[in-house]
All heavy atoms as atom14 arrays in JSON, in Angstrom:
{
  "sequence": "LTQRMEDLIDSLLRFSRLGRVDLLLQQIDLNIVLQRILDLLSARIE",
  "atom14_mask": [
    [1, 1, 1, 1, 1, 1, 1, 1, 0, 0, 0, 0, 0, 0],
    [1, 1, 1, 1, 1, 1, 1, 0, 0, 0, 0, 0, 0, 0],
    [1, 1, 1, 1, 1, 1, 1, 1, 1, 0, 0, 0, 0, 0],
    [1, 1, 1, 1, 1, 1, 1, 1, 1, 1, 1, 0, 0, 0],
    [1, 1, 1, 1, 1, 1, 1, 1, 0, 0, 0, 0, 0, 0],
    [1, 1, 1, 1, 1, 1, 1, 1, 1, 0, 0, 0, 0, 0],
    [1, 1, 1, 1, 1, 1, 1, 1, 0, 0, 0, 0, 0, 0],
    [1, 1, 1, 1, 1, 1, 1, 1, 0, 0, 0, 0, 0, 0],
    [1, 1, 1, 1, 1, 1, 1, 1, 0, 0, 0, 0, 0, 0],
    [1, 1, 1, 1, 1, 1, 1, 1, 0, 0, 0, 0, 0, 0],
    [1, 1, 1, 1, 1, 1, 0, 0, 0, 0, 0, 0, 0, 0],
    [1, 1, 1, 1, 1, 1, 1, 1, 0, 0, 0, 0, 0, 0],
    [1, 1, 1, 1, 1, 1, 1, 1, 0, 0, 0, 0, 0, 0],
    [1, 1, 1, 1, 1, 1, 1, 1, 1, 1, 1, 0, 0, 0],
    [1, 1, 1, 1, 1, 1, 1, 1, 1, 1, 1, 0, 0, 0],
    [1, 1, 1, 1, 1, 1, 0, 0, 0, 0, 0, 0, 0, 0],
    [1, 1, 1, 1, 1, 1, 1, 1, 1, 1, 1, 0, 0, 0],
    [1, 1, 1, 1, 1, 1, 1, 1, 0, 0, 0, 0, 0, 0],
    [1, 1, 1, 1, 0, 0, 0, 0, 0, 0, 0, 0, 0, 0],
    [1, 1, 1, 1, 1, 1, 1, 1, 1, 1, 1, 0, 0, 0],
    [1, 1, 1, 1, 1, 1, 1, 0, 0, 0, 0, 0, 0, 0],
    [1, 1, 1, 1, 1, 1, 1, 1, 0, 0, 0, 0, 0, 0],
    [1, 1, 1, 1, 1, 1, 1, 1, 0, 0, 0, 0, 0, 0],
    [1, 1, 1, 1, 1, 1, 1, 1, 0, 0, 0, 0, 0, 0],
    [1, 1, 1, 1, 1, 1, 1, 1, 0, 0, 0, 0, 0, 0],
    [1, 1, 1, 1, 1, 1, 1, 1, 1, 0, 0, 0, 0, 0],
    [1, 1, 1, 1, 1, 1, 1, 1, 1, 0, 0, 0, 0, 0],
    [1, 1, 1, 1, 1, 1, 1, 1, 0, 0, 0, 0, 0, 0],
    [1, 1, 1, 1, 1, 1, 1, 1, 0, 0, 0, 0, 0, 0],
    [1, 1, 1, 1, 1, 1, 1, 1, 0, 0, 0, 0, 0, 0],
    [1, 1, 1, 1, 1, 1, 1, 1, 0, 0, 0, 0, 0, 0],
    [1, 1, 1, 1, 1, 1, 1, 1, 0, 0, 0, 0, 0, 0],
    [1, 1, 1, 1, 1, 1, 1, 0, 0, 0, 0, 0, 0, 0],
    [1, 1, 1, 1, 1, 1, 1, 1, 0, 0, 0, 0, 0, 0],
    [1, 1, 1, 1, 1, 1, 1, 1, 1, 0, 0, 0, 0, 0],
    [1, 1, 1, 1, 1, 1, 1, 1, 1, 1, 1, 0, 0, 0],
    [1, 1, 1, 1, 1, 1, 1, 1, 0, 0, 0, 0, 0, 0],
    [1, 1, 1, 1, 1, 1, 1, 1, 0, 0, 0, 0, 0, 0],
    [1, 1, 1, 1, 1, 1, 1, 1, 0, 0, 0, 0, 0, 0],
    [1, 1, 1, 1, 1, 1, 1, 1, 0, 0, 0, 0, 0, 0],
    [1, 1, 1, 1, 1, 1, 1, 1, 0, 0, 0, 0, 0, 0],
    [1, 1, 1, 1, 1, 1, 0, 0, 0, 0, 0, 0, 0, 0],
    [1, 1, 1, 1, 1, 0, 0, 0, 0, 0, 0, 0, 0, 0],
    [1, 1, 1, 1, 1, 1, 1, 1, 1, 1, 1, 0, 0, 0],
    [1, 1, 1, 1, 1, 1, 1, 1, 0, 0, 0, 0, 0, 0],
    [1, 1, 1, 1, 1, 1, 1, 1, 1, 0, 0, 0, 0, 0]
  ],
  "atom14_positions": [
    [[96.83, 152.9, 128.3], [96.65, 151.45, 128.23], [95.47, 151.04, 127.3], [95.6, 149.93, 126.65], [96.35, 150.98, 129.63], [97.47, 151.02, 130.63], [97.06, 150.64, 132.05], [98.63, 149.94, 130.33], [0.0, 0.0, 0.0], [0.0, 0.0, 0.0], [0.0, 0.0, 0.0], [0.0, 0.0, 0.0], [0.0, 0.0, 0.0], [0.0, 0.0, 0.0]],
    [[94.47, 151.79, 127.31], [93.33, 151.46, 126.41], [93.77, 151.63, 124.94], [93.35, 150.83, 124.03], [92.21, 152.33, 126.56], [92.47, 153.76, 126.44], [91.55, 152.08, 127.93], [0.0, 0.0, 0.0], [0.0, 0.0, 0.0], [0.0, 0.0, 0.0], [0.0, 0.0, 0.0], [0.0, 0.0, 0.0], [0.0, 0.0, 0.0], [0.0, 0.0, 0.0]],
    [[94.62, 152.56, 124.7], [95.2, 152.71, 123.29], [95.97, 151.48, 122.88], [95.99, 150.97, 121.77], [95.99, 153.92, 123.09], [96.56, 154.22, 121.64], [95.45, 154.39, 120.78], [94.65, 155.27, 120.93], [95.47, 153.71, 119.7], [0.0, 0.0, 0.0], [0.0, 0.0, 0.0], [0.0, 0.0, 0.0], [0.0, 0.0, 0.0], [0.0, 0.0, 0.0]],
    [[96.81, 151.05, 123.85], [97.71, 149.75, 123.56], [96.79, 148.61, 123.32], [97.02, 147.73, 122.54], [98.65, 149.58, 124.73], [99.44, 148.28, 124.67], [100.76, 148.22, 125.52], [101.23, 146.95, 125.39], [102.05, 146.41, 124.38], [102.12, 147.18, 123.43], [102.53, 145.14, 124.51], [0.0, 0.0, 0.0], [0.0, 0.0, 0.0], [0.0, 0.0, 0.0]],
    [[95.74, 148.56, 124.22], [94.86, 147.36, 124.07], [94.17, 147.33, 122.73], [93.97, 146.44, 122.09], [93.86, 147.44, 125.24], [92.84, 146.25, 125.3], [93.77, 144.75, 125.69], [92.55, 143.61, 125.67], [0.0, 0.0, 0.0], [0.0, 0.0, 0.0], [0.0, 0.0, 0.0], [0.0, 0.0, 0.0], [0.0, 0.0, 0.0], [0.0, 0.0, 0.0]],
    [[93.77, 148.58, 122.35], [93.21, 148.72, 120.94], [94.16, 148.36, 119.88], [93.75, 147.66, 118.8], [92.64, 150.09, 120.65], [91.76, 150.31, 119.47], [91.01, 151.42, 119.33], [91.05, 152.29, 120.33], [90.28, 151.67, 118.43], [0.0, 0.0, 0.0], [0.0, 0.0, 0.0], [0.0, 0.0, 0.0], [0.0, 0.0, 0.0], [0.0, 0.0, 0.0]],
    [[95.34, 148.67, 120.02], [96.48, 148.28, 119.07], [96.54, 146.73, 119.07], [96.75, 146.26, 117.96], [97.76, 148.89, 119.34], [97.76, 150.42, 119.06], [96.9, 150.91, 118.44], [98.75, 151.01, 119.68], [0.0, 0.0, 0.0], [0.0, 0.0, 0.0], [0.0, 0.0, 0.0], [0.0, 0.0, 0.0], [0.0, 0.0, 0.0], [0.0, 0.0, 0.0]],
    [[96.62, 146.06, 120.15], [96.69, 144.68, 120.18], [95.45, 144.0, 119.58], [95.65, 143.0, 118.83], [96.78, 144.25, 121.66], [98.08, 144.54, 122.44], [97.9, 144.14, 123.97], [99.25, 143.83, 121.76], [0.0, 0.0, 0.0], [0.0, 0.0, 0.0], [0.0, 0.0, 0.0], [0.0, 0.0, 0.0], [0.0, 0.0, 0.0], [0.0, 0.0, 0.0]],
    [[94.25, 144.68, 119.85], [93.1, 144.06, 119.09], [93.15, 144.13, 117.72], [92.74, 143.29, 116.87], [91.82, 144.66, 119.73], [91.65, 144.2, 121.26], [90.58, 144.28, 118.96], [90.65, 145.0, 122.0], [0.0, 0.0, 0.0], [0.0, 0.0, 0.0], [0.0, 0.0, 0.0], [0.0, 0.0, 0.0], [0.0, 0.0, 0.0], [0.0, 0.0, 0.0]],
    [[93.59, 145.35, 117.21], [93.77, 145.57, 115.74], [94.71, 144.54, 115.17], [94.49, 144.01, 114.03], [94.28, 146.94, 115.52], [93.16, 148.11, 115.67], [91.87, 147.67, 115.59], [93.53, 149.24, 115.9], [0.0, 0.0, 0.0], [0.0, 0.0, 0.0], [0.0, 0.0, 0.0], [0.0, 0.0, 0.0], [0.0, 0.0, 0.0], [0.0, 0.0, 0.0]],
    [[95.91, 144.33, 115.92], [96.74, 143.37, 115.3], [96.09, 141.97, 115.28], [96.29, 141.16, 114.32], [97.95, 143.24, 116.21], [98.78, 144.44, 116.32], [0.0, 0.0, 0.0], [0.0, 0.0, 0.0], [0.0, 0.0, 0.0], [0.0, 0.0, 0.0], [0.0, 0.0, 0.0], [0.0, 0.0, 0.0], [0.0, 0.0, 0.0], [0.0, 0.0, 0.0]],
    [[95.3, 141.59, 116.29], [94.6, 140.26, 116.39], [93.61, 140.29, 115.15], [93.57, 139.09, 114.57], [93.97, 140.08, 117.72], [93.21, 138.73, 117.95], [94.31, 137.61, 117.95], [92.56, 138.68, 119.28], [0.0, 0.0, 0.0], [0.0, 0.0, 0.0], [0.0, 0.0, 0.0], [0.0, 0.0, 0.0], [0.0, 0.0, 0.0], [0.0, 0.0, 0.0]],
    [[92.9, 141.23, 114.95], [92.05, 141.41, 113.87], [92.58, 141.23, 112.53], [92.22, 140.36, 111.63], [91.29, 142.66, 113.79], [89.91, 142.8, 114.7], [89.5, 144.18, 114.73], [88.84, 141.96, 114.1], [0.0, 0.0, 0.0], [0.0, 0.0, 0.0], [0.0, 0.0, 0.0], [0.0, 0.0, 0.0], [0.0, 0.0, 0.0], [0.0, 0.0, 0.0]],
    [[93.8, 141.83, 112.42], [94.62, 141.65, 111.24], [95.0, 140.2, 111.04], [94.93, 139.73, 109.84], [95.86, 142.68, 111.21], [96.84, 142.45, 110.15], [96.28, 142.94, 108.85], [97.15, 142.77, 107.74], [96.9, 142.27, 106.68], [95.69, 141.74, 106.43], [97.81, 141.95, 105.7], [0.0, 0.0, 0.0], [0.0, 0.0, 0.0], [0.0, 0.0, 0.0]],
    [[95.56, 139.64, 112.06], [96.01, 138.26, 111.95], [94.89, 137.37, 111.63], [95.13, 136.46, 110.7], [96.64, 137.89, 113.29], [97.24, 136.42, 113.35], [98.36, 136.18, 112.69], [96.55, 135.43, 114.04], [98.93, 134.89, 112.68], [97.15, 134.18, 114.0], [98.34, 133.93, 113.4], [0.0, 0.0, 0.0], [0.0, 0.0, 0.0], [0.0, 0.0, 0.0]],
    [[93.81, 137.48, 112.2], [92.62, 136.53, 111.95], [92.08, 136.77, 110.54], [91.7, 135.71, 109.92], [91.46, 136.75, 112.94], [90.88, 137.98, 112.79], [0.0, 0.0, 0.0], [0.0, 0.0, 0.0], [0.0, 0.0, 0.0], [0.0, 0.0, 0.0], [0.0, 0.0, 0.0], [0.0, 0.0, 0.0], [0.0, 0.0, 0.0], [0.0, 0.0, 0.0]],
    [[92.16, 138.09, 110.08], [91.61, 138.34, 108.68], [92.48, 137.68, 107.66], [91.96, 137.22, 106.66], [91.63, 139.77, 108.55], [90.8, 140.3, 107.39], [90.6, 141.78, 107.32], [89.83, 142.18, 108.54], [90.23, 143.11, 109.4], [91.52, 143.59, 109.22], [89.45, 143.43, 110.25], [0.0, 0.0, 0.0], [0.0, 0.0, 0.0], [0.0, 0.0, 0.0]],
    [[93.79, 137.39, 107.88], [94.69, 136.82, 106.97], [94.24, 135.38, 106.56], [94.38, 135.05, 105.5], [96.08, 136.83, 107.46], [97.0, 138.0, 107.48], [98.27, 137.76, 108.22], [97.35, 138.47, 106.08], [0.0, 0.0, 0.0], [0.0, 0.0, 0.0], [0.0, 0.0, 0.0], [0.0, 0.0, 0.0], [0.0, 0.0, 0.0], [0.0, 0.0, 0.0]],
    [[93.67, 134.74, 107.56], [93.21, 133.26, 107.42], [91.94, 133.27, 106.51], [91.67, 132.27, 105.97], [0.0, 0.0, 0.0], [0.0, 0.0, 0.0], [0.0, 0.0, 0.0], [0.0, 0.0, 0.0], [0.0, 0.0, 0.0], [0.0, 0.0, 0.0], [0.0, 0.0, 0.0], [0.0, 0.0, 0.0], [0.0, 0.0, 0.0], [0.0, 0.0, 0.0]],
    [[91.1, 134.42, 106.42], [89.92, 134.41, 105.84], [89.94, 135.05, 104.37], [88.96, 134.99, 103.63], [88.86, 135.0, 106.72], [88.58, 134.19, 107.86], [87.55, 134.85, 108.78], [87.98, 135.99, 109.45], [87.79, 137.2, 109.3], [86.92, 137.57, 108.32], [88.23, 138.22, 109.97], [0.0, 0.0, 0.0], [0.0, 0.0, 0.0], [0.0, 0.0, 0.0]],
    [[90.94, 135.78, 104.09], [91.1, 136.54, 102.8], [91.85, 135.68, 101.79], [93.0, 135.21, 102.1], [91.67, 137.9, 103.02], [91.91, 138.62, 101.71], [90.99, 138.72, 104.0], [0.0, 0.0, 0.0], [0.0, 0.0, 0.0], [0.0, 0.0, 0.0], [0.0, 0.0, 0.0], [0.0, 0.0, 0.0], [0.0, 0.0, 0.0], [0.0, 0.0, 0.0]],
    [[91.2, 135.53, 100.62], [91.96, 134.76, 99.59], [93.13, 135.48, 99.11], [93.09, 136.72, 98.89], [90.91, 134.41, 98.44], [89.94, 133.45, 98.82], [90.24, 132.7, 99.8], [88.87, 133.44, 98.22], [0.0, 0.0, 0.0], [0.0, 0.0, 0.0], [0.0, 0.0, 0.0], [0.0, 0.0, 0.0], [0.0, 0.0, 0.0], [0.0, 0.0, 0.0]],
    [[94.18, 134.74, 98.76], [95.28, 135.32, 98.16], [95.02, 135.78, 96.64], [94.53, 134.93, 95.99], [96.48, 134.39, 98.24], [97.11, 134.0, 99.59], [98.15, 132.98, 99.47], [97.68, 135.23, 100.29], [0.0, 0.0, 0.0], [0.0, 0.0, 0.0], [0.0, 0.0, 0.0], [0.0, 0.0, 0.0], [0.0, 0.0, 0.0], [0.0, 0.0, 0.0]],
    [[95.57, 136.8, 96.25], [95.54, 137.29, 94.86], [96.89, 137.09, 94.2], [97.69, 137.98, 94.13], [94.99, 138.75, 94.71], [94.84, 139.32, 93.37], [93.81, 138.46, 92.62], [94.51, 140.79, 93.32], [0.0, 0.0, 0.0], [0.0, 0.0, 0.0], [0.0, 0.0, 0.0], [0.0, 0.0, 0.0], [0.0, 0.0, 0.0], [0.0, 0.0, 0.0]],
    [[97.01, 135.87, 93.82], [98.34, 135.48, 93.34], [98.59, 135.89, 91.82], [97.74, 135.59, 90.96], [98.56, 133.94, 93.44], [98.56, 133.44, 94.81], [98.65, 131.88, 94.84], [99.69, 133.91, 95.67], [0.0, 0.0, 0.0], [0.0, 0.0, 0.0], [0.0, 0.0, 0.0], [0.0, 0.0, 0.0], [0.0, 0.0, 0.0], [0.0, 0.0, 0.0]],
    [[99.59, 136.7, 91.59], [100.0, 137.09, 90.29], [101.55, 137.14, 90.2], [102.18, 137.12, 91.16], [99.48, 138.51, 90.04], [97.94, 138.68, 90.01], [97.48, 140.14, 90.01], [97.99, 140.98, 90.76], [96.59, 140.47, 89.04], [0.0, 0.0, 0.0], [0.0, 0.0, 0.0], [0.0, 0.0, 0.0], [0.0, 0.0, 0.0], [0.0, 0.0, 0.0]],
    [[102.03, 137.4, 88.93], [103.39, 137.63, 88.67], [103.69, 139.12, 89.05], [103.12, 139.99, 88.43], [103.85, 137.37, 87.3], [103.75, 135.84, 86.92], [104.24, 135.51, 85.52], [105.02, 136.37, 84.94], [103.9, 134.39, 84.91], [0.0, 0.0, 0.0], [0.0, 0.0, 0.0], [0.0, 0.0, 0.0], [0.0, 0.0, 0.0], [0.0, 0.0, 0.0]],
    [[104.47, 139.27, 90.08], [104.74, 140.61, 90.65], [106.22, 141.05, 90.53], [107.07, 140.25, 90.9], [104.24, 140.71, 92.11], [102.7, 140.35, 92.15], [104.47, 142.13, 92.66], [101.81, 141.32, 91.57], [0.0, 0.0, 0.0], [0.0, 0.0, 0.0], [0.0, 0.0, 0.0], [0.0, 0.0, 0.0], [0.0, 0.0, 0.0], [0.0, 0.0, 0.0]],
    [[106.35, 142.28, 90.11], [107.62, 142.8, 90.1], [107.9, 143.49, 91.47], [107.33, 144.55, 91.85], [107.86, 143.94, 88.98], [109.12, 144.44, 88.87], [110.02, 144.29, 89.79], [109.58, 145.21, 87.87], [0.0, 0.0, 0.0], [0.0, 0.0, 0.0], [0.0, 0.0, 0.0], [0.0, 0.0, 0.0], [0.0, 0.0, 0.0], [0.0, 0.0, 0.0]],
    [[108.79, 142.81, 92.29], [109.1, 143.23, 93.61], [109.83, 144.55, 93.82], [109.84, 145.23, 94.83], [109.71, 142.06, 94.37], [108.93, 140.94, 94.71], [109.73, 139.9, 95.61], [107.64, 141.19, 95.45], [0.0, 0.0, 0.0], [0.0, 0.0, 0.0], [0.0, 0.0, 0.0], [0.0, 0.0, 0.0], [0.0, 0.0, 0.0], [0.0, 0.0, 0.0]],
    [[110.35, 145.08, 92.7], [111.1, 146.3, 92.79], [110.01, 147.42, 92.92], [110.21, 148.4, 93.7], [111.87, 146.5, 91.47], [112.91, 145.55, 91.31], [113.92, 145.62, 92.03], [112.84, 144.62, 90.39], [0.0, 0.0, 0.0], [0.0, 0.0, 0.0], [0.0, 0.0, 0.0], [0.0, 0.0, 0.0], [0.0, 0.0, 0.0], [0.0, 0.0, 0.0]],
    [[108.84, 147.3, 92.27], [107.78, 148.32, 92.35], [107.23, 148.13, 93.85], [107.02, 149.19, 94.49], [106.79, 148.03, 91.38], [107.29, 148.25, 89.92], [105.54, 148.96, 91.52], [106.34, 147.74, 88.8], [0.0, 0.0, 0.0], [0.0, 0.0, 0.0], [0.0, 0.0, 0.0], [0.0, 0.0, 0.0], [0.0, 0.0, 0.0], [0.0, 0.0, 0.0]],
    [[106.99, 147.0, 94.25], [106.42, 146.9, 95.61], [107.4, 147.47, 96.78], [106.96, 148.19, 97.59], [106.28, 145.32, 95.92], [105.76, 145.09, 97.45], [105.26, 144.73, 95.03], [0.0, 0.0, 0.0], [0.0, 0.0, 0.0], [0.0, 0.0, 0.0], [0.0, 0.0, 0.0], [0.0, 0.0, 0.0], [0.0, 0.0, 0.0], [0.0, 0.0, 0.0]],
    [[108.63, 147.18, 96.57], [109.67, 147.51, 97.64], [109.76, 149.08, 97.49], [109.92, 149.77, 98.57], [111.07, 146.95, 97.26], [112.09, 147.28, 98.22], [111.73, 146.88, 99.62], [113.42, 146.62, 97.89], [0.0, 0.0, 0.0], [0.0, 0.0, 0.0], [0.0, 0.0, 0.0], [0.0, 0.0, 0.0], [0.0, 0.0, 0.0], [0.0, 0.0, 0.0]],
    [[109.74, 149.77, 96.32], [109.8, 151.08, 96.28], [108.68, 151.79, 97.02], [108.87, 152.83, 97.58], [109.89, 151.5, 94.78], [110.14, 153.09, 94.61], [111.48, 153.4, 95.29], [112.52, 152.71, 94.95], [111.45, 154.49, 96.02], [0.0, 0.0, 0.0], [0.0, 0.0, 0.0], [0.0, 0.0, 0.0], [0.0, 0.0, 0.0], [0.0, 0.0, 0.0]],
    [[107.46, 151.32, 96.79], [106.34, 151.82, 97.58], [106.4, 151.74, 98.95], [106.12, 152.7, 99.74], [105.05, 151.15, 97.09], [104.63, 151.44, 95.66], [103.33, 150.71, 95.24], [102.82, 150.98, 93.93], [102.12, 150.3, 93.2], [101.53, 149.26, 93.79], [101.65, 150.82, 91.76], [0.0, 0.0, 0.0], [0.0, 0.0, 0.0], [0.0, 0.0, 0.0]],
    [[106.91, 150.74, 99.54], [107.28, 150.44, 100.94], [108.24, 151.5, 101.4], [108.0, 152.18, 102.46], [107.51, 148.95, 101.24], [106.58, 148.08, 100.89], [107.99, 148.89, 102.77], [105.25, 148.23, 101.41], [0.0, 0.0, 0.0], [0.0, 0.0, 0.0], [0.0, 0.0, 0.0], [0.0, 0.0, 0.0], [0.0, 0.0, 0.0], [0.0, 0.0, 0.0]],
    [[109.29, 151.7, 100.63], [110.29, 152.61, 101.21], [109.77, 153.99, 101.05], [110.14, 154.85, 101.98], [111.49, 152.44, 100.24], [112.28, 151.22, 100.3], [113.39, 151.15, 99.4], [112.89, 150.91, 101.83], [0.0, 0.0, 0.0], [0.0, 0.0, 0.0], [0.0, 0.0, 0.0], [0.0, 0.0, 0.0], [0.0, 0.0, 0.0], [0.0, 0.0, 0.0]],
    [[108.87, 154.4, 100.13], [108.21, 155.8, 100.09], [107.29, 155.95, 101.32], [107.44, 157.02, 101.97], [107.44, 155.82, 98.86], [108.22, 155.89, 97.56], [109.48, 156.16, 97.71], [107.67, 155.69, 96.53], [0.0, 0.0, 0.0], [0.0, 0.0, 0.0], [0.0, 0.0, 0.0], [0.0, 0.0, 0.0], [0.0, 0.0, 0.0], [0.0, 0.0, 0.0]],
    [[106.67, 154.87, 101.81], [105.75, 155.01, 102.95], [106.64, 155.17, 104.27], [106.24, 155.8, 105.21], [104.83, 153.75, 103.21], [103.79, 153.57, 102.02], [103.12, 152.33, 102.24], [102.85, 154.86, 102.33], [0.0, 0.0, 0.0], [0.0, 0.0, 0.0], [0.0, 0.0, 0.0], [0.0, 0.0, 0.0], [0.0, 0.0, 0.0], [0.0, 0.0, 0.0]],
    [[107.8, 154.44, 104.22], [108.74, 154.6, 105.41], [109.79, 155.69, 105.34], [110.62, 155.79, 106.18], [109.47, 153.28, 105.6], [108.52, 151.99, 105.93], [109.38, 150.73, 105.83], [107.78, 152.2, 107.18], [0.0, 0.0, 0.0], [0.0, 0.0, 0.0], [0.0, 0.0, 0.0], [0.0, 0.0, 0.0], [0.0, 0.0, 0.0], [0.0, 0.0, 0.0]],
    [[109.69, 156.57, 104.29], [110.73, 157.51, 104.1], [110.85, 158.53, 105.3], [112.06, 158.77, 105.52], [110.35, 158.39, 102.91], [109.1, 159.07, 102.89], [0.0, 0.0, 0.0], [0.0, 0.0, 0.0], [0.0, 0.0, 0.0], [0.0, 0.0, 0.0], [0.0, 0.0, 0.0], [0.0, 0.0, 0.0], [0.0, 0.0, 0.0], [0.0, 0.0, 0.0]],
    [[109.76, 158.84, 105.86], [109.98, 159.91, 107.19], [110.78, 159.17, 108.16], [111.74, 159.79, 108.77], [108.59, 160.18, 107.68], [0.0, 0.0, 0.0], [0.0, 0.0, 0.0], [0.0, 0.0, 0.0], [0.0, 0.0, 0.0], [0.0, 0.0, 0.0], [0.0, 0.0, 0.0], [0.0, 0.0, 0.0], [0.0, 0.0, 0.0], [0.0, 0.0, 0.0]],
    [[110.42, 157.87, 108.49], [111.2, 157.19, 109.63], [112.54, 156.97, 109.14], [113.51, 157.09, 110.06], [110.54, 155.78, 109.98], [111.21, 155.12, 111.01], [110.49, 153.79, 111.38], [109.09, 154.25, 111.99], [108.4, 153.32, 112.6], [108.64, 152.03, 112.57], [107.22, 153.71, 113.13], [0.0, 0.0, 0.0], [0.0, 0.0, 0.0], [0.0, 0.0, 0.0]],
    [[112.86, 156.61, 107.9], [114.21, 156.43, 107.38], [115.02, 157.76, 107.49], [116.18, 157.76, 108.01], [114.18, 155.99, 105.87], [113.6, 154.55, 105.81], [115.6, 155.99, 105.36], [113.36, 153.98, 104.37], [0.0, 0.0, 0.0], [0.0, 0.0, 0.0], [0.0, 0.0, 0.0], [0.0, 0.0, 0.0], [0.0, 0.0, 0.0], [0.0, 0.0, 0.0]],
    [[114.34, 158.91, 107.21], [115.17, 160.09, 107.22], [115.31, 160.49, 108.67], [116.38, 160.99, 109.13], [114.18, 161.18, 106.53], [114.88, 162.57, 106.44], [114.12, 163.61, 105.61], [113.1, 163.14, 104.94], [114.33, 164.79, 105.74], [0.0, 0.0, 0.0], [0.0, 0.0, 0.0], [0.0, 0.0, 0.0], [0.0, 0.0, 0.0], [0.0, 0.0, 0.0]]
  ]
}
């Protein structure tokens, strides 16, 4: 339960931080972004 509570607090921290961090807007090739995400999720996909 304490681990779940800590996960919830981490999510809340992440959500609140989104409102305070400036966006770094650039022209982005989403193919590169998507490939990195799929690499990180490769274990779960497999």
